[in-house]
Amino acid sequence: MYTLHIGSKHISSWSLRPWLLMKVLRIPFAEALHHFIGDKTEQRRQWRAFSPSAQVPALANGGETVWDSLAIAEYLAERHPQVWPQDAAARAWARCAAAEMHSGFPVLRTVCNFTLQAAEPPCDTPGLQRELARLDALWNEGLERFGGGFLAGGGFCAADAFYAPVVLRLRCYGLAGRLNGAAAQYAERISALPELQQWISDGLEETQSGKSD
């Protein structure tokens, strides 16, 4: 069985991506939760025991370790084809969308730190406006082009998992109103996923119990 090493659920948006992907697609795994600690040198020392980069997420499978959320998605896809859409065009689009999230949207990441609780809306800068407009256009494109309830068709795939933390950011920072049409409905659909609700519940419990730095 896979072991997925993740960070504190109320902080680690990158951990959420493969966790949600595997949960929704019913890919069995053991969860290894590692709370962030204040002493980052000590944290890196401890985390190198399971992750070559000393970062989360990391996926262990037998003697293999795969780190980085996008690499994990591709590794899983070799064994579980449902990670990406079956249709070639939808699959190519979904890969592009996930890669854009993996490397893009720097303003949104900076001004909207990942949180599971309501937060003060950020300053509405031109950079943020551009990224929100791009997000709205991208989601609407996938939903309209492939005609399903998810970004690249009727089935949840890695692209949806990669944008799930963005859905939470928009909701928590009061930015969901920037979405239009199908994109707005999509955000509500992702928010309602039982698996995502479980992550939120676990993360809020962490904050209430004072676990992690």
N, C-alpha and C. Protein backbone atom coordinates (compact mmCIF):
# COMPACT_ATOMS: atom_id res chain seq x y z
N MET A 1 0.84 -1.20 0.00
CA MET A 1 0.00 0.00 0.00
C MET A 1 0.87 1.25 0.00
N TYR A 2 0.39 2.28 -0.66
CA TYR A 2 1.08 3.57 -0.64
C TYR A 2 1.06 4.18 0.76
N THR A 3 2.08 4.97 1.06
CA THR A 3 2.07 5.84 2.23
C THR A 3 2.25 7.26 1.74
N LEU A 4 1.30 8.12 2.07
CA LEU A 4 1.37 9.52 1.66
C LEU A 4 1.77 10.37 2.86
N HIS A 5 2.94 10.98 2.77
CA HIS A 5 3.42 11.87 3.82
C HIS A 5 2.91 13.28 3.53
N ILE A 6 2.21 13.84 4.49
CA ILE A 6 1.62 15.17 4.31
C ILE A 6 1.96 16.06 5.50
N GLY A 7 1.77 17.37 5.29
CA GLY A 7 1.96 18.33 6.36
C GLY A 7 0.65 18.68 7.02
N SER A 8 0.72 19.55 8.01
CA SER A 8 -0.47 19.97 8.75
C SER A 8 -1.58 20.40 7.80
N LYS A 9 -2.78 19.90 8.04
CA LYS A 9 -3.85 20.09 7.07
C LYS A 9 -4.38 21.51 7.00
N HIS A 10 -4.18 22.30 8.04
CA HIS A 10 -4.66 23.68 7.97
C HIS A 10 -3.62 24.61 7.33
N ILE A 11 -2.48 24.06 6.94
CA ILE A 11 -1.41 24.87 6.34
C ILE A 11 -1.02 24.38 4.95
N SER A 12 -0.92 23.08 4.77
CA SER A 12 -0.25 22.54 3.59
C SER A 12 -1.21 22.30 2.42
N SER A 13 -1.33 23.29 1.56
CA SER A 13 -2.18 23.15 0.37
C SER A 13 -1.59 22.15 -0.61
N TRP A 14 -0.26 22.04 -0.65
CA TRP A 14 0.36 21.08 -1.57
C TRP A 14 0.06 19.65 -1.14
N SER A 15 -0.02 19.42 0.16
CA SER A 15 -0.37 18.09 0.64
C SER A 15 -1.80 17.72 0.28
N LEU A 16 -2.67 18.72 0.29
CA LEU A 16 -4.09 18.47 -0.01
C LEU A 16 -4.26 17.88 -1.41
N ARG A 17 -3.46 18.31 -2.36
CA ARG A 17 -3.68 17.91 -3.75
C ARG A 17 -3.62 16.39 -3.96
N PRO A 18 -2.51 15.72 -3.65
CA PRO A 18 -2.51 14.27 -3.85
C PRO A 18 -3.43 13.54 -2.88
N TRP A 19 -3.58 14.07 -1.67
CA TRP A 19 -4.48 13.44 -0.69
C TRP A 19 -5.90 13.39 -1.24
N LEU A 20 -6.39 14.53 -1.74
CA LEU A 20 -7.75 14.59 -2.26
C LEU A 20 -7.89 13.72 -3.50
N LEU A 21 -6.89 13.76 -4.36
CA LEU A 21 -6.92 12.94 -5.58
C LEU A 21 -7.09 11.47 -5.23
N MET A 22 -6.31 11.00 -4.30
CA MET A 22 -6.35 9.58 -3.95
C MET A 22 -7.64 9.22 -3.21
N LYS A 23 -8.11 10.13 -2.39
CA LYS A 23 -9.36 9.87 -1.66
C LYS A 23 -10.54 9.78 -2.61
N VAL A 24 -10.68 10.77 -3.49
CA VAL A 24 -11.84 10.79 -4.39
C VAL A 24 -11.80 9.61 -5.35
N LEU A 25 -10.62 9.25 -5.83
CA LEU A 25 -10.50 8.15 -6.78
C LEU A 25 -10.41 6.78 -6.10
N ARG A 26 -10.51 6.77 -4.78
CA ARG A 26 -10.51 5.53 -4.01
C ARG A 26 -9.23 4.71 -4.24
N ILE A 27 -8.11 5.42 -4.24
CA ILE A 27 -6.80 4.76 -4.31
C ILE A 27 -6.33 4.57 -2.87
N PRO A 28 -6.24 3.36 -2.38
CA PRO A 28 -5.91 3.14 -0.96
C PRO A 28 -4.51 3.65 -0.61
N PHE A 29 -4.41 4.25 0.57
CA PHE A 29 -3.10 4.68 1.06
C PHE A 29 -3.16 4.86 2.57
N ALA A 30 -1.99 4.80 3.17
CA ALA A 30 -1.85 5.12 4.58
C ALA A 30 -1.39 6.56 4.69
N GLU A 31 -2.01 7.31 5.57
CA GLU A 31 -1.67 8.72 5.75
C GLU A 31 -0.64 8.86 6.86
N ALA A 32 0.44 9.57 6.56
CA ALA A 32 1.47 9.88 7.56
C ALA A 32 1.50 11.39 7.73
N LEU A 33 0.96 11.87 8.82
CA LEU A 33 0.82 13.31 9.06
C LEU A 33 2.01 13.82 9.85
N HIS A 34 2.64 14.88 9.34
CA HIS A 34 3.80 15.48 9.98
C HIS A 34 3.48 16.96 10.25
N HIS A 35 3.43 17.33 11.50
CA HIS A 35 3.13 18.72 11.83
C HIS A 35 4.37 19.60 11.62
N PHE A 36 4.13 20.80 11.15
CA PHE A 36 5.21 21.77 11.01
C PHE A 36 5.70 22.17 12.40
N ILE A 37 6.99 22.43 12.52
CA ILE A 37 7.55 22.86 13.80
C ILE A 37 8.30 24.17 13.60
N GLY A 38 8.49 24.89 14.69
CA GLY A 38 9.11 26.20 14.61
C GLY A 38 10.56 26.17 14.19
N ASP A 39 11.29 25.18 14.64
CA ASP A 39 12.71 25.04 14.31
C ASP A 39 12.81 24.39 12.93
N LYS A 40 12.98 25.21 11.90
CA LYS A 40 12.96 24.69 10.53
C LYS A 40 14.18 23.82 10.21
N THR A 41 15.30 24.09 10.85
CA THR A 41 16.47 23.24 10.64
C THR A 41 16.18 21.84 11.15
N GLU A 42 15.58 21.76 12.31
CA GLU A 42 15.22 20.46 12.87
C GLU A 42 14.12 19.79 12.05
N GLN A 43 13.19 20.60 11.57
CA GLN A 43 12.13 20.03 10.72
C GLN A 43 12.72 19.40 9.47
N ARG A 44 13.64 20.11 8.81
CA ARG A 44 14.27 19.56 7.61
C ARG A 44 15.02 18.27 7.92
N ARG A 45 15.69 18.25 9.06
CA ARG A 45 16.43 17.04 9.45
C ARG A 45 15.47 15.86 9.61
N GLN A 46 14.35 16.11 10.26
CA GLN A 46 13.38 15.03 10.48
C GLN A 46 12.72 14.60 9.18
N TRP A 47 12.37 15.56 8.34
CA TRP A 47 11.59 15.25 7.15
C TRP A 47 12.42 14.59 6.05
N ARG A 48 13.74 14.76 6.10
CA ARG A 48 14.58 14.06 5.12
C ARG A 48 14.51 12.55 5.27
N ALA A 49 14.01 12.09 6.40
CA ALA A 49 13.87 10.65 6.61
C ALA A 49 12.84 10.03 5.68
N PHE A 50 11.90 10.86 5.19
CA PHE A 50 10.87 10.34 4.29
C PHE A 50 10.75 11.10 2.98
N SER A 51 11.44 12.25 2.88
CA SER A 51 11.35 13.07 1.66
C SER A 51 12.73 13.61 1.29
N PRO A 52 13.26 13.29 0.12
CA PRO A 52 14.58 13.79 -0.27
C PRO A 52 14.68 15.31 -0.26
N SER A 53 13.57 15.99 -0.52
CA SER A 53 13.57 17.46 -0.53
C SER A 53 13.28 18.05 0.84
N ALA A 54 12.98 17.19 1.80
CA ALA A 54 12.58 17.62 3.15
C ALA A 54 11.31 18.46 3.11
N GLN A 55 10.48 18.19 2.11
CA GLN A 55 9.21 18.89 1.97
C GLN A 55 8.09 17.88 1.77
N VAL A 56 6.88 18.36 1.98
CA VAL A 56 5.69 17.53 1.73
C VAL A 56 4.93 18.12 0.55
N PRO A 57 4.21 17.24 -0.16
CA PRO A 57 3.96 15.83 0.10
C PRO A 57 5.07 14.94 -0.47
N ALA A 58 5.08 13.70 0.02
CA ALA A 58 5.95 12.67 -0.53
C ALA A 58 5.19 11.35 -0.47
N LEU A 59 5.33 10.57 -1.51
CA LEU A 59 4.61 9.29 -1.61
C LEU A 59 5.61 8.15 -1.57
N ALA A 60 5.42 7.22 -0.64
CA ALA A 60 6.27 6.04 -0.54
C ALA A 60 5.51 4.83 -1.06
N ASN A 61 6.19 4.04 -1.87
CA ASN A 61 5.59 2.81 -2.41
C ASN A 61 6.68 1.75 -2.48
N GLY A 62 6.68 0.85 -1.52
CA GLY A 62 7.76 -0.12 -1.45
C GLY A 62 9.07 0.59 -1.20
N GLY A 63 10.03 0.37 -2.06
CA GLY A 63 11.32 1.03 -1.91
C GLY A 63 11.43 2.35 -2.65
N GLU A 64 10.34 2.80 -3.28
CA GLU A 64 10.37 4.04 -4.05
C GLU A 64 9.77 5.19 -3.26
N THR A 65 10.34 6.37 -3.46
CA THR A 65 9.78 7.60 -2.89
C THR A 65 9.62 8.61 -4.00
N VAL A 66 8.45 9.19 -4.09
CA VAL A 66 8.15 10.20 -5.10
C VAL A 66 7.76 11.47 -4.35
N TRP A 67 8.39 12.59 -4.67
CA TRP A 67 8.08 13.84 -4.00
C TRP A 67 7.64 14.87 -5.02
N ASP A 68 6.96 15.89 -4.56
CA ASP A 68 6.35 16.95 -5.36
C ASP A 68 4.97 16.49 -5.84
N SER A 69 3.99 17.35 -5.67
CA SER A 69 2.59 16.98 -5.94
C SER A 69 2.35 16.58 -7.39
N LEU A 70 2.95 17.29 -8.34
CA LEU A 70 2.72 16.95 -9.74
C LEU A 70 3.41 15.64 -10.11
N ALA A 71 4.60 15.42 -9.58
CA ALA A 71 5.29 14.15 -9.83
C ALA A 71 4.50 12.99 -9.24
N ILE A 72 3.90 13.20 -8.08
CA ILE A 72 3.08 12.16 -7.47
C ILE A 72 1.89 11.83 -8.35
N ALA A 73 1.24 12.87 -8.89
CA ALA A 73 0.09 12.64 -9.77
C ALA A 73 0.49 11.81 -10.99
N GLU A 74 1.62 12.14 -11.59
CA GLU A 74 2.05 11.40 -12.77
C GLU A 74 2.47 9.96 -12.41
N TYR A 75 3.09 9.80 -11.27
CA TYR A 75 3.46 8.45 -10.82
C TYR A 75 2.21 7.60 -10.62
N LEU A 76 1.20 8.17 -9.98
CA LEU A 76 -0.05 7.44 -9.77
C LEU A 76 -0.74 7.13 -11.09
N ALA A 77 -0.66 8.06 -12.04
CA ALA A 77 -1.33 7.86 -13.33
C ALA A 77 -0.80 6.65 -14.07
N GLU A 78 0.46 6.31 -13.86
CA GLU A 78 1.04 5.13 -14.50
C GLU A 78 0.40 3.84 -13.99
N ARG A 79 -0.16 3.91 -12.81
CA ARG A 79 -0.76 2.73 -12.18
C ARG A 79 -2.28 2.82 -12.08
N HIS A 80 -2.79 4.04 -12.15
CA HIS A 80 -4.23 4.28 -12.01
C HIS A 80 -4.64 5.27 -13.11
N PRO A 81 -5.02 4.79 -14.27
CA PRO A 81 -5.29 5.66 -15.42
C PRO A 81 -6.36 6.72 -15.18
N GLN A 82 -7.22 6.50 -14.20
CA GLN A 82 -8.30 7.45 -13.95
C GLN A 82 -7.80 8.78 -13.36
N VAL A 83 -6.51 8.84 -13.04
CA VAL A 83 -5.94 10.10 -12.55
C VAL A 83 -6.10 11.21 -13.59
N TRP A 84 -6.01 10.85 -14.88
CA TRP A 84 -6.23 11.80 -15.97
C TRP A 84 -7.40 11.32 -16.82
N PRO A 85 -8.05 12.21 -17.56
CA PRO A 85 -9.18 11.80 -18.40
C PRO A 85 -8.78 10.77 -19.46
N GLN A 86 -9.71 9.94 -19.84
CA GLN A 86 -9.45 8.94 -20.87
C GLN A 86 -9.31 9.57 -22.24
N ASP A 87 -10.12 10.58 -22.53
CA ASP A 87 -10.07 11.27 -23.82
C ASP A 87 -8.74 12.01 -23.96
N ALA A 88 -8.08 11.86 -25.10
CA ALA A 88 -6.75 12.43 -25.30
C ALA A 88 -6.74 13.95 -25.22
N ALA A 89 -7.73 14.59 -25.84
CA ALA A 89 -7.78 16.05 -25.81
C ALA A 89 -8.03 16.56 -24.40
N ALA A 90 -8.94 15.92 -23.70
CA ALA A 90 -9.23 16.32 -22.32
C ALA A 90 -8.03 16.06 -21.42
N ARG A 91 -7.33 14.98 -21.68
CA ARG A 91 -6.15 14.64 -20.88
C ARG A 91 -5.05 15.67 -21.08
N ALA A 92 -4.82 16.08 -22.31
CA ALA A 92 -3.80 17.10 -22.58
C ALA A 92 -4.16 18.42 -21.92
N TRP A 93 -5.44 18.79 -22.03
CA TRP A 93 -5.89 20.05 -21.43
C TRP A 93 -5.74 19.99 -19.91
N ALA A 94 -6.14 18.87 -19.31
CA ALA A 94 -6.06 18.74 -17.86
C ALA A 94 -4.63 18.82 -17.37
N ARG A 95 -3.71 18.23 -18.12
CA ARG A 95 -2.29 18.31 -17.74
C ARG A 95 -1.80 19.76 -17.80
N CYS A 96 -2.20 20.47 -18.83
CA CYS A 96 -1.81 21.88 -18.95
C CYS A 96 -2.37 22.70 -17.79
N ALA A 97 -3.63 22.46 -17.46
CA ALA A 97 -4.28 23.21 -16.38
C ALA A 97 -3.60 22.94 -15.05
N ALA A 98 -3.28 21.67 -14.78
CA ALA A 98 -2.61 21.33 -13.52
C ALA A 98 -1.22 21.94 -13.47
N ALA A 99 -0.50 21.90 -14.59
CA ALA A 99 0.85 22.48 -14.62
C ALA A 99 0.80 23.99 -14.43
N GLU A 100 -0.23 24.64 -14.99
CA GLU A 100 -0.36 26.09 -14.81
C GLU A 100 -0.57 26.42 -13.34
N MET A 101 -1.36 25.62 -12.65
CA MET A 101 -1.56 25.85 -11.22
C MET A 101 -0.28 25.59 -10.45
N HIS A 102 0.44 24.56 -10.85
CA HIS A 102 1.66 24.16 -10.15
C HIS A 102 2.72 25.25 -10.20
N SER A 103 2.77 25.98 -11.31
CA SER A 103 3.84 26.97 -11.47
C SER A 103 3.34 28.41 -11.49
N GLY A 104 2.04 28.61 -11.54
CA GLY A 104 1.51 29.95 -11.73
C GLY A 104 0.75 30.53 -10.55
N PHE A 105 0.01 31.60 -10.83
CA PHE A 105 -0.82 32.30 -9.85
C PHE A 105 -0.02 32.76 -8.62
N PRO A 106 1.12 33.42 -8.84
CA PRO A 106 1.97 33.81 -7.70
C PRO A 106 1.34 34.86 -6.80
N VAL A 107 0.56 35.77 -7.38
CA VAL A 107 -0.05 36.82 -6.55
C VAL A 107 -1.08 36.21 -5.60
N LEU A 108 -1.93 35.36 -6.15
CA LEU A 108 -2.95 34.72 -5.32
C LEU A 108 -2.31 33.92 -4.19
N ARG A 109 -1.24 33.22 -4.50
CA ARG A 109 -0.55 32.45 -3.46
C ARG A 109 0.01 33.36 -2.37
N THR A 110 0.53 34.52 -2.79
CA THR A 110 1.20 35.41 -1.85
C THR A 110 0.22 36.14 -0.94
N VAL A 111 -0.84 36.67 -1.52
CA VAL A 111 -1.75 37.51 -0.73
C VAL A 111 -2.85 36.70 -0.06
N CYS A 112 -3.01 35.45 -0.46
CA CYS A 112 -4.04 34.58 0.15
C CYS A 112 -3.37 33.31 0.65
N ASN A 113 -2.66 33.43 1.76
CA ASN A 113 -2.04 32.24 2.34
C ASN A 113 -3.11 31.19 2.60
N PHE A 114 -2.74 29.93 2.42
CA PHE A 114 -3.72 28.86 2.58
C PHE A 114 -4.27 28.85 4.00
N THR A 115 -5.58 28.84 4.10
CA THR A 115 -6.26 28.79 5.39
C THR A 115 -7.59 28.08 5.21
N LEU A 116 -8.14 27.59 6.30
CA LEU A 116 -9.44 26.94 6.27
C LEU A 116 -10.50 27.77 6.98
N GLN A 117 -10.12 28.98 7.39
CA GLN A 117 -11.03 29.86 8.11
C GLN A 117 -11.22 31.17 7.36
N ALA A 118 -12.30 31.87 7.68
CA ALA A 118 -12.58 33.15 7.03
C ALA A 118 -11.44 34.12 7.31
N ALA A 119 -11.04 34.86 6.28
CA ALA A 119 -9.92 35.78 6.40
C ALA A 119 -10.26 37.10 5.72
N GLU A 120 -9.51 38.14 6.07
CA GLU A 120 -9.72 39.46 5.49
C GLU A 120 -9.39 39.43 4.00
N PRO A 121 -10.28 39.95 3.15
CA PRO A 121 -9.99 39.97 1.71
C PRO A 121 -8.71 40.76 1.42
N PRO A 122 -7.92 40.34 0.45
CA PRO A 122 -6.68 41.03 0.12
C PRO A 122 -6.95 42.31 -0.66
N CYS A 123 -5.93 43.15 -0.76
CA CYS A 123 -6.05 44.36 -1.59
C CYS A 123 -6.27 43.95 -3.04
N ASP A 124 -7.16 44.64 -3.70
CA ASP A 124 -7.55 44.27 -5.06
C ASP A 124 -6.59 44.91 -6.07
N THR A 125 -5.42 44.32 -6.21
CA THR A 125 -4.40 44.86 -7.09
C THR A 125 -4.63 44.41 -8.53
N PRO A 126 -4.03 45.10 -9.50
CA PRO A 126 -4.14 44.65 -10.90
C PRO A 126 -3.65 43.22 -11.10
N GLY A 127 -2.57 42.86 -10.40
CA GLY A 127 -2.06 41.50 -10.53
C GLY A 127 -3.05 40.46 -10.06
N LEU A 128 -3.70 40.72 -8.95
CA LEU A 128 -4.70 39.79 -8.44
C LEU A 128 -5.90 39.73 -9.37
N GLN A 129 -6.30 40.87 -9.90
CA GLN A 129 -7.42 40.90 -10.84
C GLN A 129 -7.13 40.04 -12.07
N ARG A 130 -5.91 40.15 -12.59
CA ARG A 130 -5.53 39.35 -13.76
C ARG A 130 -5.59 37.85 -13.45
N GLU A 131 -5.09 37.48 -12.30
CA GLU A 131 -5.07 36.05 -11.97
C GLU A 131 -6.47 35.50 -11.72
N LEU A 132 -7.32 36.29 -11.09
CA LEU A 132 -8.70 35.84 -10.87
C LEU A 132 -9.45 35.73 -12.19
N ALA A 133 -9.19 36.67 -13.09
CA ALA A 133 -9.83 36.60 -14.41
C ALA A 133 -9.35 35.38 -15.18
N ARG A 134 -8.06 35.09 -15.08
CA ARG A 134 -7.52 33.91 -15.75
C ARG A 134 -8.12 32.63 -15.17
N LEU A 135 -8.25 32.58 -13.87
CA LEU A 135 -8.84 31.42 -13.21
C LEU A 135 -10.27 31.21 -13.68
N ASP A 136 -11.04 32.27 -13.72
CA ASP A 136 -12.43 32.19 -14.16
C ASP A 136 -12.51 31.71 -15.61
N ALA A 137 -11.66 32.25 -16.46
CA ALA A 137 -11.67 31.86 -17.88
C ALA A 137 -11.25 30.41 -18.05
N LEU A 138 -10.23 29.99 -17.33
CA LEU A 138 -9.73 28.62 -17.44
C LEU A 138 -10.79 27.61 -17.02
N TRP A 139 -11.39 27.85 -15.87
CA TRP A 139 -12.41 26.92 -15.39
C TRP A 139 -13.60 26.86 -16.33
N ASN A 140 -14.05 28.02 -16.77
CA ASN A 140 -15.20 28.03 -17.68
C ASN A 140 -14.86 27.34 -19.01
N GLU A 141 -13.62 27.52 -19.47
CA GLU A 141 -13.21 26.85 -20.71
C GLU A 141 -13.32 25.33 -20.58
N GLY A 142 -12.74 24.78 -19.53
CA GLY A 142 -12.78 23.34 -19.35
C GLY A 142 -14.18 22.81 -19.17
N LEU A 143 -14.97 23.49 -18.36
CA LEU A 143 -16.33 23.04 -18.09
C LEU A 143 -17.20 23.08 -19.33
N GLU A 144 -17.03 24.11 -20.14
CA GLU A 144 -17.85 24.24 -21.35
C GLU A 144 -17.33 23.34 -22.48
N ARG A 145 -16.02 23.23 -22.59
CA ARG A 145 -15.45 22.45 -23.69
C ARG A 145 -15.70 20.95 -23.52
N PHE A 146 -15.56 20.45 -22.29
CA PHE A 146 -15.64 19.01 -22.08
C PHE A 146 -16.98 18.56 -21.50
N GLY A 147 -17.81 19.53 -21.14
CA GLY A 147 -19.19 19.24 -20.83
C GLY A 147 -19.48 18.34 -19.66
N GLY A 148 -18.70 18.45 -18.61
CA GLY A 148 -18.97 17.63 -17.44
C GLY A 148 -19.01 18.46 -16.18
N GLY A 149 -19.19 17.80 -15.07
CA GLY A 149 -19.24 18.51 -13.80
C GLY A 149 -17.88 18.88 -13.26
N PHE A 150 -16.83 18.36 -13.91
CA PHE A 150 -15.47 18.65 -13.46
C PHE A 150 -14.70 19.32 -14.60
N LEU A 151 -13.48 19.73 -14.33
CA LEU A 151 -12.77 20.60 -15.26
C LEU A 151 -12.53 19.98 -16.63
N ALA A 152 -12.31 18.67 -16.68
CA ALA A 152 -11.98 18.04 -17.97
C ALA A 152 -12.97 16.93 -18.32
N GLY A 153 -14.20 17.09 -17.90
CA GLY A 153 -15.23 16.11 -18.23
C GLY A 153 -16.06 15.69 -17.04
N GLY A 154 -16.62 14.50 -17.12
CA GLY A 154 -17.54 14.05 -16.09
C GLY A 154 -16.91 13.44 -14.87
N GLY A 155 -15.61 13.19 -14.92
CA GLY A 155 -14.95 12.55 -13.79
C GLY A 155 -13.91 13.43 -13.13
N PHE A 156 -13.82 13.34 -11.82
CA PHE A 156 -12.79 14.05 -11.06
C PHE A 156 -11.42 13.54 -11.48
N CYS A 157 -10.49 14.46 -11.72
CA CYS A 157 -9.14 14.07 -12.13
C CYS A 157 -8.12 14.94 -11.41
N ALA A 158 -6.85 14.76 -11.76
CA ALA A 158 -5.78 15.49 -11.09
C ALA A 158 -5.94 17.00 -11.22
N ALA A 159 -6.45 17.47 -12.34
CA ALA A 159 -6.63 18.92 -12.50
C ALA A 159 -7.57 19.47 -11.43
N ASP A 160 -8.63 18.75 -11.13
CA ASP A 160 -9.56 19.19 -10.09
C ASP A 160 -8.88 19.19 -8.72
N ALA A 161 -8.07 18.18 -8.46
CA ALA A 161 -7.35 18.12 -7.19
C ALA A 161 -6.39 19.29 -7.05
N PHE A 162 -5.77 19.70 -8.15
CA PHE A 162 -4.81 20.80 -8.08
C PHE A 162 -5.48 22.14 -7.83
N TYR A 163 -6.72 22.28 -8.24
CA TYR A 163 -7.41 23.55 -8.03
C TYR A 163 -8.28 23.57 -6.78
N ALA A 164 -8.41 22.44 -6.09
CA ALA A 164 -9.22 22.42 -4.88
C ALA A 164 -8.73 23.40 -3.81
N PRO A 165 -7.41 23.52 -3.56
CA PRO A 165 -6.97 24.52 -2.59
C PRO A 165 -7.30 25.94 -3.02
N VAL A 166 -7.36 26.18 -4.32
CA VAL A 166 -7.73 27.51 -4.82
C VAL A 166 -9.19 27.79 -4.50
N VAL A 167 -10.03 26.78 -4.65
CA VAL A 167 -11.44 26.93 -4.28
C VAL A 167 -11.56 27.36 -2.82
N LEU A 168 -10.78 26.74 -1.96
CA LEU A 168 -10.82 27.10 -0.54
C LEU A 168 -10.29 28.51 -0.31
N ARG A 169 -9.25 28.89 -1.02
CA ARG A 169 -8.73 30.25 -0.90
C ARG A 169 -9.80 31.28 -1.28
N LEU A 170 -10.47 31.04 -2.40
CA LEU A 170 -11.49 31.97 -2.86
C LEU A 170 -12.62 32.08 -1.84
N ARG A 171 -13.00 30.97 -1.28
CA ARG A 171 -14.08 30.97 -0.30
C ARG A 171 -13.67 31.68 0.98
N CYS A 172 -12.50 31.35 1.51
CA CYS A 172 -12.08 31.89 2.80
C CYS A 172 -11.74 33.37 2.73
N TYR A 173 -11.29 33.84 1.57
CA TYR A 173 -10.92 35.25 1.44
C TYR A 173 -12.02 36.08 0.78
N GLY A 174 -13.20 35.54 0.64
CA GLY A 174 -14.32 36.30 0.10
C GLY A 174 -14.19 36.66 -1.35
N LEU A 175 -13.52 35.81 -2.14
CA LEU A 175 -13.28 36.10 -3.55
C LEU A 175 -14.10 35.22 -4.49
N ALA A 176 -14.93 34.35 -3.95
CA ALA A 176 -15.70 33.43 -4.80
C ALA A 176 -16.66 34.18 -5.72
N GLY A 177 -17.05 35.38 -5.33
CA GLY A 177 -17.95 36.18 -6.16
C GLY A 177 -17.33 36.65 -7.46
N ARG A 178 -16.02 36.48 -7.61
CA ARG A 178 -15.35 36.86 -8.86
C ARG A 178 -15.55 35.82 -9.96
N LEU A 179 -16.08 34.67 -9.60
CA LEU A 179 -16.31 33.61 -10.58
C LEU A 179 -17.66 33.80 -11.25
N ASN A 180 -17.73 33.39 -12.50
CA ASN A 180 -18.96 33.57 -13.27
C ASN A 180 -19.47 32.24 -13.81
N GLY A 181 -20.78 32.14 -13.92
CA GLY A 181 -21.41 31.02 -14.60
C GLY A 181 -20.99 29.67 -14.07
N ALA A 182 -20.55 28.81 -14.99
CA ALA A 182 -20.21 27.43 -14.64
C ALA A 182 -19.06 27.37 -13.65
N ALA A 183 -18.15 28.32 -13.70
CA ALA A 183 -17.01 28.31 -12.78
C ALA A 183 -17.48 28.49 -11.34
N ALA A 184 -18.45 29.35 -11.13
CA ALA A 184 -18.99 29.55 -9.78
C ALA A 184 -19.67 28.29 -9.27
N GLN A 185 -20.42 27.62 -10.13
CA GLN A 185 -21.08 26.38 -9.75
C GLN A 185 -20.05 25.28 -9.47
N TYR A 186 -19.00 25.28 -10.25
CA TYR A 186 -17.93 24.30 -10.06
C TYR A 186 -17.28 24.47 -8.69
N ALA A 187 -17.01 25.70 -8.30
CA ALA A 187 -16.40 25.95 -6.99
C ALA A 187 -17.28 25.43 -5.87
N GLU A 188 -18.58 25.61 -6.00
CA GLU A 188 -19.50 25.09 -4.99
C GLU A 188 -19.49 23.57 -4.97
N ARG A 189 -19.39 22.97 -6.14
CA ARG A 189 -19.38 21.51 -6.24
C ARG A 189 -18.12 20.93 -5.57
N ILE A 190 -16.99 21.54 -5.83
CA ILE A 190 -15.75 21.07 -5.21
C ILE A 190 -15.80 21.27 -3.69
N SER A 191 -16.31 22.40 -3.26
CA SER A 191 -16.40 22.67 -1.82
C SER A 191 -17.23 21.63 -1.09
N ALA A 192 -18.22 21.09 -1.79
CA ALA A 192 -19.15 20.14 -1.17
C ALA A 192 -18.66 18.70 -1.17
N LEU A 193 -17.53 18.42 -1.81
CA LEU A 193 -17.03 17.05 -1.84
C LEU A 193 -16.84 16.53 -0.41
N PRO A 194 -17.38 15.37 -0.09
CA PRO A 194 -17.21 14.83 1.28
C PRO A 194 -15.75 14.69 1.68
N GLU A 195 -14.91 14.33 0.73
CA GLU A 195 -13.49 14.16 1.04
C GLU A 195 -12.84 15.50 1.41
N LEU A 196 -13.22 16.55 0.70
CA LEU A 196 -12.67 17.86 1.02
C LEU A 196 -13.21 18.35 2.37
N GLN A 197 -14.47 18.07 2.64
CA GLN A 197 -15.04 18.43 3.92
C GLN A 197 -14.32 17.71 5.07
N GLN A 198 -13.89 16.49 4.82
CA GLN A 198 -13.14 15.75 5.84
C GLN A 198 -11.79 16.41 6.10
N TRP A 199 -11.11 16.84 5.03
CA TRP A 199 -9.84 17.55 5.19
C TRP A 199 -10.04 18.82 6.01
N ILE A 200 -11.07 19.57 5.68
CA ILE A 200 -11.35 20.82 6.40
C ILE A 200 -11.60 20.53 7.87
N SER A 201 -12.40 19.52 8.16
CA SER A 201 -12.70 19.16 9.54
C SER A 201 -11.43 18.79 10.30
N ASP A 202 -10.58 18.01 9.67
CA ASP A 202 -9.31 17.62 10.30
C ASP A 202 -8.42 18.83 10.54
N GLY A 203 -8.37 19.73 9.55
CA GLY A 203 -7.52 20.90 9.67
C GLY A 203 -7.99 21.85 10.76
N LEU A 204 -9.30 22.04 10.86
CA LEU A 204 -9.83 22.91 11.90
C LEU A 204 -9.60 22.32 13.29
N GLU A 205 -9.64 21.01 13.36
CA GLU A 205 -9.34 20.35 14.64
C GLU A 205 -7.90 20.60 15.05
N GLU A 206 -7.00 20.64 14.07
CA GLU A 206 -5.60 20.95 14.37
C GLU A 206 -5.47 22.33 15.00
N THR A 207 -6.16 23.31 14.43
CA THR A 207 -6.05 24.67 14.94
C THR A 207 -6.63 24.79 16.34
N GLN A 208 -7.70 24.04 16.59
CA GLN A 208 -8.34 24.10 17.90
C GLN A 208 -7.52 23.41 18.98
N SER A 209 -6.79 22.38 18.57
CA SER A 209 -5.98 21.63 19.54
C SER A 209 -4.58 22.21 19.69
N GLY A 210 -4.25 23.19 18.83
CA GLY A 210 -2.93 23.81 18.90
C GLY A 210 -1.82 23.00 18.30
N LYS A 211 -2.17 21.99 17.49
CA LYS A 211 -1.15 21.16 16.87
C LYS A 211 -0.49 21.92 15.73
N SER A 212 0.79 21.74 15.55
CA SER A 212 1.64 22.31 14.51
C SER A 212 1.96 23.75 14.79
N ASP A 213 3.03 24.21 14.18
CA ASP A 213 3.52 25.58 14.39
C ASP A 213 2.61 26.57 13.71
